[in-house]
Amino acid sequence: MEIDLLDFIEQCRDLAKQALGKHAGEPASGGFARWVHVVLHCFRLEEGHSYRETPNRLKYMTEICDVLGLDRENL
């Protein structure tokens, strides 16, 4: 079964927030909320690219940046 990448990101966001509970919004290393870190790792693994490639790929994915609350210019 193939899933749309945006739907995948939204599902990961919801699951990460649910799993982290009250700690979901707390910043982890790097200044992002913990749930954002979890979703970025899920995105990276789903797409099969390295951690260093993630910011470059996200620059061209405005809808995903919007879901994650990321500023494309400051990735």
Protein backbone atom coordinates (compact mmCIF):
# COMPACT_ATOMS: atom_id res chain seq x y z
CA MET A 1 0.00 0.00 0.00
CA GLU A 2 1.40 3.36 -1.02
CA ILE A 3 0.80 6.38 1.18
CA ASP A 4 1.08 10.04 0.29
CA LEU A 5 4.16 11.63 1.89
CA LEU A 6 2.17 14.50 3.39
CA ASP A 7 -0.31 12.05 4.94
CA PHE A 8 2.62 10.06 6.31
CA ILE A 9 4.12 13.18 7.91
CA GLU A 10 0.78 14.15 9.44
CA GLN A 11 0.30 10.65 10.88
CA CYS A 12 3.82 10.69 12.30
CA ARG A 13 3.15 14.11 13.85
CA ASP A 14 -0.02 12.92 15.53
CA LEU A 15 1.59 9.71 16.81
CA ALA A 16 4.71 11.50 18.05
CA LYS A 17 2.68 14.08 19.95
CA GLN A 18 0.54 11.33 21.45
CA ALA A 19 3.55 9.23 22.46
CA LEU A 20 5.51 12.12 23.95
CA GLY A 21 2.53 13.52 25.81
CA LYS A 22 3.25 16.66 27.79
CA HIS A 23 6.92 16.59 26.71
CA ALA A 24 6.12 16.83 22.98
CA GLY A 25 6.54 20.59 22.76
CA GLU A 26 9.70 20.82 24.82
CA PRO A 27 12.74 21.69 22.77
CA ALA A 28 15.24 18.93 22.20
CA SER A 29 18.81 19.47 21.02
CA GLY A 30 18.88 21.78 18.04
CA GLY A 31 16.00 23.94 19.21
CA PHE A 32 13.14 21.97 17.62
CA ALA A 33 10.30 20.51 19.64
CA ARG A 34 10.77 16.83 20.39
CA TRP A 35 7.90 15.77 18.16
CA VAL A 36 9.54 17.57 15.22
CA HIS A 37 12.75 15.58 15.74
CA VAL A 38 10.78 12.32 15.72
CA VAL A 39 8.91 13.26 12.54
CA LEU A 40 12.11 14.36 10.79
CA HIS A 41 13.70 10.99 11.54
CA CYS A 42 10.61 9.19 10.23
CA PHE A 43 10.71 11.35 7.07
CA ARG A 44 14.41 10.65 6.59
CA LEU A 45 13.98 6.90 6.94
CA GLU A 46 10.89 6.77 4.72
CA GLU A 47 12.64 8.65 1.94
CA GLY A 48 15.92 6.76 2.40
CA HIS A 49 18.28 9.71 2.61
CA SER A 50 20.92 10.80 5.09
CA TYR A 51 20.37 13.20 7.97
CA ARG A 52 22.56 15.79 6.23
CA GLU A 53 20.38 15.71 3.10
CA THR A 54 17.18 16.44 5.04
CA PRO A 55 17.41 20.27 5.09
CA ASN A 56 18.11 20.40 1.36
CA ARG A 57 15.12 18.22 0.57
CA LEU A 58 12.81 20.14 2.89
CA LYS A 59 13.60 23.45 1.18
CA TYR A 60 11.49 22.29 -1.77
CA MET A 61 8.65 20.78 0.27
CA THR A 62 6.62 23.74 1.48
CA GLU A 63 3.59 21.77 2.67
CA ILE A 64 5.72 19.50 4.84
CA CYS A 65 7.53 22.49 6.32
CA ASP A 66 4.15 24.04 7.10
CA VAL A 67 2.96 20.89 8.89
CA LEU A 68 6.15 20.85 10.95
CA GLY A 69 6.15 24.61 11.57
CA LEU A 70 9.58 25.03 9.99
CA ASP A 71 10.91 28.10 8.24
CA ARG A 72 12.37 26.92 4.91
CA GLU A 73 14.94 29.72 4.90
CA ASN A 74 16.42 28.73 8.28
CA LEU A 75 16.68 24.97 8.05
